[in-house]
Amino acid sequence: MIMKKSLLFVAALFAAVAMNAKEITVNLSSAVEEQENGSATVTASASEVSVNWNVTVGYGVAGFEVQLGENLASVTGLSFEYKGDGSAHGLIHYLRDSEGSRWWDDANWLDMEAQTWTNKSVTPAKCLWDGATYPYGTHPIAAVGFIANPDNPASGTFAIKNVKLIVPDGTGIDNTAIETKATKVFRDGQMVILRDGKAFNALGAEVK
């Protein structure tokens, strides 16, 4: 019974966040190569990025990353459209926080078999490979990225467009950024953000 109530509480919490959420469209024109044991040629416009990638070592990565310009206090979801070249190579999405750790939705592992534009919505909350010792949401989000991750040396193409970040909407922290005047502290084991004389939790809701 306790477990059932806990699951209902979590579901209600996500529903509440979803009801008070808005989308921020990411300008992709500043996309740059992101690689480990590989290379990528990146062609970018404001709404779409095309990538020719090559990985020289199994489980290396090659793709692109876009800096957001201003760190977002809270990102609860990510949506985008993608297409590949018909191969079964892995395609990984991630959000990078201000400490450098990358977060992804491990329940939504993608591949490049889709050769037509395919919509996807994910909830990145698991650390990718960076070994973060803190939970998702502790630090603001600074970048979004997409990388090919084949299990053997390989090359190919993929494209991404219409990247949107889901952020809380309503009273609380300005959803476009955490400014330098914001200060993060911990109270009773929970992170609290102090800004303009007010306190907010990691979801951007004001704490009384």
C-alpha atoms as a PDB file:
ATOM      1  CA  MET A   1       0.000   0.000   0.000  1.00  0.00           C
ATOM      2  CA  ILE A   2       2.842   2.389   0.879  1.00  0.00           C
ATOM      3  CA  MET A   3       4.529   1.642  -2.457  1.00  0.00           C
ATOM      4  CA  LYS A   4       1.277   2.286  -4.327  1.00  0.00           C
ATOM      5  CA  LYS A   5       0.778   5.608  -2.567  1.00  0.00           C
ATOM      6  CA  SER A   6       4.366   6.598  -3.362  1.00  0.00           C
ATOM      7  CA  LEU A   7       3.890   5.817  -7.037  1.00  0.00           C
ATOM      8  CA  LEU A   8       0.660   7.813  -7.101  1.00  0.00           C
ATOM      9  CA  PHE A   9       2.439  10.744  -5.466  1.00  0.00           C
ATOM     10  CA  VAL A  10       5.246  10.650  -8.048  1.00  0.00           C
ATOM     11  CA  ALA A  11       2.721  10.464 -10.888  1.00  0.00           C
ATOM     12  CA  ALA A  12       0.817  13.409  -9.443  1.00  0.00           C
ATOM     13  CA  LEU A  13       4.025  15.386  -9.104  1.00  0.00           C
ATOM     14  CA  PHE A  14       4.956  14.866 -12.766  1.00  0.00           C
ATOM     15  CA  ALA A  15       1.404  15.708 -13.805  1.00  0.00           C
ATOM     16  CA  ALA A  16       1.586  18.949 -11.834  1.00  0.00           C
ATOM     17  CA  VAL A  17       4.890  19.848 -13.449  1.00  0.00           C
ATOM     18  CA  ALA A  18       3.499  19.048 -16.916  1.00  0.00           C
ATOM     19  CA  MET A  19       0.464  21.278 -16.347  1.00  0.00           C
ATOM     20  CA  ASN A  20       2.711  24.205 -15.457  1.00  0.00           C
ATOM     21  CA  ALA A  21       5.356  23.703 -18.140  1.00  0.00           C
ATOM     22  CA  LYS A  22       6.380  25.574 -21.251  1.00  0.00           C
ATOM     23  CA  GLU A  23       8.659  24.824 -24.210  1.00  0.00           C
ATOM     24  CA  ILE A  24      11.836  26.656 -25.148  1.00  0.00           C
ATOM     25  CA  THR A  25      12.956  26.158 -28.746  1.00  0.00           C
ATOM     26  CA  VAL A  26      16.734  25.755 -29.012  1.00  0.00           C
ATOM     27  CA  ASN A  27      18.559  27.774 -31.670  1.00  0.00           C
ATOM     28  CA  LEU A  28      20.781  25.128 -33.263  1.00  0.00           C
ATOM     29  CA  SER A  29      22.884  27.460 -35.415  1.00  0.00           C
ATOM     30  CA  SER A  30      25.784  27.411 -32.916  1.00  0.00           C
ATOM     31  CA  ALA A  31      26.102  23.595 -32.959  1.00  0.00           C
ATOM     32  CA  VAL A  32      29.721  22.430 -32.734  1.00  0.00           C
ATOM     33  CA  GLU A  33      31.455  19.086 -33.073  1.00  0.00           C
ATOM     34  CA  GLU A  34      31.394  16.796 -30.036  1.00  0.00           C
ATOM     35  CA  GLN A  35      33.584  13.685 -30.257  1.00  0.00           C
ATOM     36  CA  GLU A  36      35.645  11.112 -28.408  1.00  0.00           C
ATOM     37  CA  ASN A  37      37.720   8.847 -30.690  1.00  0.00           C
ATOM     38  CA  GLY A  38      36.057  10.170 -33.802  1.00  0.00           C
ATOM     39  CA  SER A  39      35.135  13.203 -35.848  1.00  0.00           C
ATOM     40  CA  ALA A  40      32.009  14.935 -37.117  1.00  0.00           C
ATOM     41  CA  THR A  41      31.249  17.433 -39.857  1.00  0.00           C
ATOM     42  CA  VAL A  42      28.369  19.568 -38.594  1.00  0.00           C
ATOM     43  CA  THR A  43      26.086  21.653 -40.829  1.00  0.00           C
ATOM     44  CA  ALA A  44      23.708  23.790 -38.772  1.00  0.00           C
ATOM     45  CA  SER A  45      20.870  26.261 -39.162  1.00  0.00           C
ATOM     46  CA  ALA A  46      18.649  27.732 -36.448  1.00  0.00           C
ATOM     47  CA  SER A  47      16.221  24.806 -36.590  1.00  0.00           C
ATOM     48  CA  GLU A  48      18.169  21.846 -38.018  1.00  0.00           C
ATOM     49  CA  VAL A  49      21.558  20.135 -37.789  1.00  0.00           C
ATOM     50  CA  SER A  50      22.991  17.545 -40.200  1.00  0.00           C
ATOM     51  CA  VAL A  51      25.980  15.441 -39.160  1.00  0.00           C
ATOM     52  CA  ASN A  52      28.464  13.305 -41.091  1.00  0.00           C
ATOM     53  CA  TRP A  53      30.241  11.313 -38.399  1.00  0.00           C
ATOM     54  CA  ASN A  54      33.101   8.852 -38.124  1.00  0.00           C
ATOM     55  CA  VAL A  55      34.130   6.832 -35.057  1.00  0.00           C
ATOM     56  CA  THR A  56      37.511   5.071 -35.056  1.00  0.00           C
ATOM     57  CA  VAL A  57      37.116   3.009 -31.851  1.00  0.00           C
ATOM     58  CA  GLY A  58      34.153   0.905 -30.728  1.00  0.00           C
ATOM     59  CA  TYR A  59      31.870   2.874 -28.404  1.00  0.00           C
ATOM     60  CA  GLY A  60      33.539   6.121 -29.347  1.00  0.00           C
ATOM     61  CA  VAL A  61      31.182   9.032 -30.026  1.00  0.00           C
ATOM     62  CA  ALA A  62      30.770  11.729 -32.659  1.00  0.00           C
ATOM     63  CA  GLY A  63      28.059  14.316 -33.101  1.00  0.00           C
ATOM     64  CA  PHE A  64      27.295  17.827 -31.938  1.00  0.00           C
ATOM     65  CA  GLU A  65      26.549  19.970 -28.906  1.00  0.00           C
ATOM     66  CA  VAL A  66      24.806  23.334 -28.557  1.00  0.00           C
ATOM     67  CA  GLN A  67      25.581  25.691 -25.686  1.00  0.00           C
ATOM     68  CA  LEU A  68      22.371  27.291 -24.404  1.00  0.00           C
ATOM     69  CA  GLY A  69      23.991  30.651 -23.719  1.00  0.00           C
ATOM     70  CA  GLU A  70      22.230  30.992 -20.370  1.00  0.00           C
ATOM     71  CA  ASN A  71      21.942  28.127 -17.903  1.00  0.00           C
ATOM     72  CA  LEU A  72      18.395  26.875 -17.316  1.00  0.00           C
ATOM     73  CA  ALA A  73      17.442  26.413 -13.687  1.00  0.00           C
ATOM     74  CA  SER A  74      15.305  23.379 -14.406  1.00  0.00           C
ATOM     75  CA  VAL A  75      14.664  21.227 -17.489  1.00  0.00           C
ATOM     76  CA  THR A  76      12.036  18.519 -17.046  1.00  0.00           C
ATOM     77  CA  GLY A  77      11.971  17.187 -20.607  1.00  0.00           C
ATOM     78  CA  LEU A  78      13.427  17.271 -24.105  1.00  0.00           C
ATOM     79  CA  SER A  79      11.688  16.856 -27.460  1.00  0.00           C
ATOM     80  CA  PHE A  80      13.097  16.743 -30.977  1.00  0.00           C
ATOM     81  CA  GLU A  81      12.807  15.199 -34.428  1.00  0.00           C
ATOM     82  CA  TYR A  82      15.524  12.934 -35.790  1.00  0.00           C
ATOM     83  CA  LYS A  83      16.372  10.779 -38.785  1.00  0.00           C
ATOM     84  CA  GLY A  84      19.265   8.475 -39.594  1.00  0.00           C
ATOM     85  CA  ASP A  85      20.784   6.644 -42.529  1.00  0.00           C
ATOM     86  CA  GLY A  86      19.045   3.311 -42.071  1.00  0.00           C
ATOM     87  CA  SER A  87      21.750   1.780 -39.868  1.00  0.00           C
ATOM     88  CA  ALA A  88      21.326   0.284 -36.403  1.00  0.00           C
ATOM     89  CA  HIS A  89      24.047   2.406 -34.808  1.00  0.00           C
ATOM     90  CA  GLY A  90      23.162   4.013 -31.497  1.00  0.00           C
ATOM     91  CA  LEU A  91      22.139   7.676 -31.308  1.00  0.00           C
ATOM     92  CA  ILE A  92      22.317   9.284 -27.875  1.00  0.00           C
ATOM     93  CA  HIS A  93      20.633  12.510 -26.714  1.00  0.00           C
ATOM     94  CA  TYR A  94      21.818  14.326 -23.599  1.00  0.00           C
ATOM     95  CA  LEU A  95      21.656  17.486 -21.509  1.00  0.00           C
ATOM     96  CA  ARG A  96      24.938  18.754 -20.053  1.00  0.00           C
ATOM     97  CA  ASP A  97      24.791  20.585 -16.721  1.00  0.00           C
ATOM     98  CA  SER A  98      26.962  23.479 -15.564  1.00  0.00           C
ATOM     99  CA  GLU A  99      29.366  21.035 -13.867  1.00  0.00           C
ATOM    100  CA  GLY A 100      29.995  19.157 -17.126  1.00  0.00           C
ATOM    101  CA  SER A 101      27.949  16.027 -16.381  1.00  0.00           C
ATOM    102  CA  ARG A 102      25.701  14.682 -19.142  1.00  0.00           C
ATOM    103  CA  TRP A 103      22.191  13.339 -18.476  1.00  0.00           C
ATOM    104  CA  TRP A 104      19.994  11.184 -20.717  1.00  0.00           C
ATOM    105  CA  ASP A 105      16.839   9.099 -20.712  1.00  0.00           C
ATOM    106  CA  ASP A 106      18.213   5.541 -20.599  1.00  0.00           C
ATOM    107  CA  ALA A 107      14.740   4.131 -21.313  1.00  0.00           C
ATOM    108  CA  ASN A 108      14.842   5.826 -24.724  1.00  0.00           C
ATOM    109  CA  TRP A 109      17.937   4.481 -26.474  1.00  0.00           C
ATOM    110  CA  LEU A 110      17.664   5.479 -30.141  1.00  0.00           C
ATOM    111  CA  ASP A 111      19.206   4.119 -33.329  1.00  0.00           C
ATOM    112  CA  MET A 112      19.538   5.492 -36.845  1.00  0.00           C
ATOM    113  CA  GLU A 113      17.223   3.077 -38.643  1.00  0.00           C
ATOM    114  CA  ALA A 114      14.548   5.751 -39.140  1.00  0.00           C
ATOM    115  CA  GLN A 115      15.160   7.456 -42.498  1.00  0.00           C
ATOM    116  CA  THR A 116      12.215   9.829 -42.229  1.00  0.00           C
ATOM    117  CA  TRP A 117      11.698  12.484 -39.576  1.00  0.00           C
ATOM    118  CA  THR A 118      10.585  10.879 -36.309  1.00  0.00           C
ATOM    119  CA  ASN A 119       9.277  12.743 -33.253  1.00  0.00           C
ATOM    120  CA  LYS A 120      10.686  11.886 -29.840  1.00  0.00           C
ATOM    121  CA  SER A 121      10.049  13.149 -26.311  1.00  0.00           C
ATOM    122  CA  VAL A 122      12.379  12.098 -23.491  1.00  0.00           C
ATOM    123  CA  THR A 123      13.010  12.879 -19.830  1.00  0.00           C
ATOM    124  CA  PRO A 124      16.781  12.935 -19.241  1.00  0.00           C
ATOM    125  CA  ALA A 125      17.507  12.164 -15.591  1.00  0.00           C
ATOM    126  CA  LYS A 126      20.235   9.489 -15.606  1.00  0.00           C
ATOM    127  CA  CYS A 127      23.919  10.341 -15.719  1.00  0.00           C
ATOM    128  CA  LEU A 128      25.446   9.208 -19.015  1.00  0.00           C
ATOM    129  CA  TRP A 129      29.100   8.276 -18.391  1.00  0.00           C
ATOM    130  CA  ASP A 130      30.379  11.149 -16.329  1.00  0.00           C
ATOM    131  CA  GLY A 131      30.087   9.601 -12.855  1.00  0.00           C
ATOM    132  CA  ALA A 132      28.170  12.434 -11.211  1.00  0.00           C
ATOM    133  CA  THR A 133      27.806  11.965  -7.457  1.00  0.00           C
ATOM    134  CA  TYR A 134      24.703  14.175  -7.264  1.00  0.00           C
ATOM    135  CA  PRO A 135      21.159  13.722  -8.630  1.00  0.00           C
ATOM    136  CA  TYR A 136      19.798  15.302 -11.782  1.00  0.00           C
ATOM    137  CA  GLY A 137      18.543  18.830 -11.205  1.00  0.00           C
ATOM    138  CA  THR A 138      21.195  19.754  -8.650  1.00  0.00           C
ATOM    139  CA  HIS A 139      22.907  22.012 -11.194  1.00  0.00           C
ATOM    140  CA  PRO A 140      21.383  24.048 -14.049  1.00  0.00           C
ATOM    141  CA  ILE A 141      21.495  22.854 -17.650  1.00  0.00           C
ATOM    142  CA  ALA A 142      24.065  24.508 -19.915  1.00  0.00           C
ATOM    143  CA  ALA A 143      23.976  22.529 -23.204  1.00  0.00           C
ATOM    144  CA  VAL A 144      22.140  19.929 -25.274  1.00  0.00           C
ATOM    145  CA  GLY A 145      23.820  17.335 -27.484  1.00  0.00           C
ATOM    146  CA  PHE A 146      23.331  14.394 -29.847  1.00  0.00           C
ATOM    147  CA  ILE A 147      26.047  11.822 -30.570  1.00  0.00           C
ATOM    148  CA  ALA A 148      26.471   8.635 -32.604  1.00  0.00           C
ATOM    149  CA  ASN A 149      27.692   5.750 -30.419  1.00  0.00           C
ATOM    150  CA  PRO A 150      28.460   2.618 -32.516  1.00  0.00           C
ATOM    151  CA  ASP A 151      29.826  -0.540 -30.881  1.00  0.00           C
ATOM    152  CA  ASN A 152      32.481  -0.893 -33.613  1.00  0.00           C
ATOM    153  CA  PRO A 153      34.419   1.586 -35.774  1.00  0.00           C
ATOM    154  CA  ALA A 154      31.863   3.026 -38.186  1.00  0.00           C
ATOM    155  CA  SER A 155      30.665   6.117 -40.019  1.00  0.00           C
ATOM    156  CA  GLY A 156      27.321   7.495 -41.108  1.00  0.00           C
ATOM    157  CA  THR A 157      24.917  10.413 -41.036  1.00  0.00           C
ATOM    158  CA  PHE A 158      22.076  11.683 -38.889  1.00  0.00           C
ATOM    159  CA  ALA A 159      20.017  14.859 -38.586  1.00  0.00           C
ATOM    160  CA  ILE A 160      18.187  16.603 -35.746  1.00  0.00           C
ATOM    161  CA  LYS A 161      15.615  19.405 -35.853  1.00  0.00           C
ATOM    162  CA  ASN A 162      12.995  21.203 -33.753  1.00  0.00           C
ATOM    163  CA  VAL A 163      14.804  20.715 -30.440  1.00  0.00           C
ATOM    164  CA  LYS A 164      12.722  21.944 -27.526  1.00  0.00           C
ATOM    165  CA  LEU A 165      13.354  21.986 -23.781  1.00  0.00           C
ATOM    166  CA  ILE A 166      10.484  21.591 -21.326  1.00  0.00           C
ATOM    167  CA  VAL A 167      10.796  23.917 -18.338  1.00  0.00           C
ATOM    168  CA  PRO A 168       8.467  24.824 -15.452  1.00  0.00           C
ATOM    169  CA  ASP A 169       6.172  27.760 -16.069  1.00  0.00           C
ATOM    170  CA  GLY A 170       4.441  30.046 -13.590  1.00  0.00           C
ATOM    171  CA  THR A 171       5.652  31.931 -10.582  1.00  0.00           C
ATOM    172  CA  GLY A 172       9.212  31.294  -9.559  1.00  0.00           C
ATOM    173  CA  ILE A 173      12.567  31.557 -11.267  1.00  0.00           C
ATOM    174  CA  ASP A 174      12.644  33.063 -14.741  1.00  0.00           C
ATOM    175  CA  ASN A 175      12.580  29.993 -16.959  1.00  0.00           C
ATOM    176  CA  THR A 176      15.056  31.408 -19.471  1.00  0.00           C
ATOM    177  CA  ALA A 177      18.136  31.362 -17.252  1.00  0.00           C
ATOM    178  CA  ILE A 178      19.827  31.298 -13.905  1.00  0.00           C
ATOM    179  CA  GLU A 179      21.628  34.619 -13.654  1.00  0.00           C
ATOM    180  CA  THR A 180      24.893  35.159 -11.827  1.00  0.00           C
ATOM    181  CA  LYS A 181      23.111  36.847  -8.952  1.00  0.00           C
ATOM    182  CA  ALA A 182      21.322  33.599  -8.092  1.00  0.00           C
ATOM    183  CA  THR A 183      22.874  31.645  -5.219  1.00  0.00           C
ATOM    184  CA  LYS A 184      22.415  27.941  -4.500  1.00  0.00           C
ATOM    185  CA  VAL A 185      22.294  26.753  -0.886  1.00  0.00           C
ATOM    186  CA  PHE A 186      21.121  23.605   0.901  1.00  0.00           C
ATOM    187  CA  ARG A 187      18.396  23.684   3.550  1.00  0.00           C
ATOM    188  CA  ASP A 188      17.288  20.541   5.352  1.00  0.00           C
ATOM    189  CA  GLY A 189      19.106  18.469   2.730  1.00  0.00           C
ATOM    190  CA  GLN A 190      17.327  20.143  -0.224  1.00  0.00           C
ATOM    191  CA  MET A 191      18.855  22.527  -2.774  1.00  0.00           C
ATOM    192  CA  VAL A 192      17.367  26.027  -2.601  1.00  0.00           C
ATOM    193  CA  ILE A 193      18.120  28.848  -5.052  1.00  0.00           C
ATOM    194  CA  LEU A 194      18.184  32.379  -3.628  1.00  0.00           C
ATOM    195  CA  ARG A 195      17.392  35.175  -6.041  1.00  0.00           C
ATOM    196  CA  ASP A 196      16.032  38.694  -5.719  1.00  0.00           C
ATOM    197  CA  GLY A 197      15.294  38.171  -2.036  1.00  0.00           C
ATOM    198  CA  LYS A 198      13.242  35.024  -2.659  1.00  0.00           C
ATOM    199  CA  ALA A 199      13.942  31.280  -2.367  1.00  0.00           C
ATOM    200  CA  PHE A 200      13.091  28.696  -5.045  1.00  0.00           C
ATOM    201  CA  ASN A 201      13.379  24.916  -5.310  1.00  0.00           C
ATOM    202  CA  ALA A 202      15.028  23.056  -8.221  1.00  0.00           C
ATOM    203  CA  LEU A 203      11.742  23.078 -10.185  1.00  0.00           C
ATOM    204  CA  GLY A 204      11.517  26.861 -10.001  1.00  0.00           C
ATOM    205  CA  ALA A 205       8.691  27.014  -7.464  1.00  0.00           C
ATOM    206  CA  GLU A 206       8.961  29.639  -4.745  1.00  0.00           C
ATOM    207  CA  VAL A 207       9.702  28.274  -1.277  1.00  0.00           C
ATOM    208  CA  LYS A 208       7.941  30.123   1.534  1.00  0.00           C
END
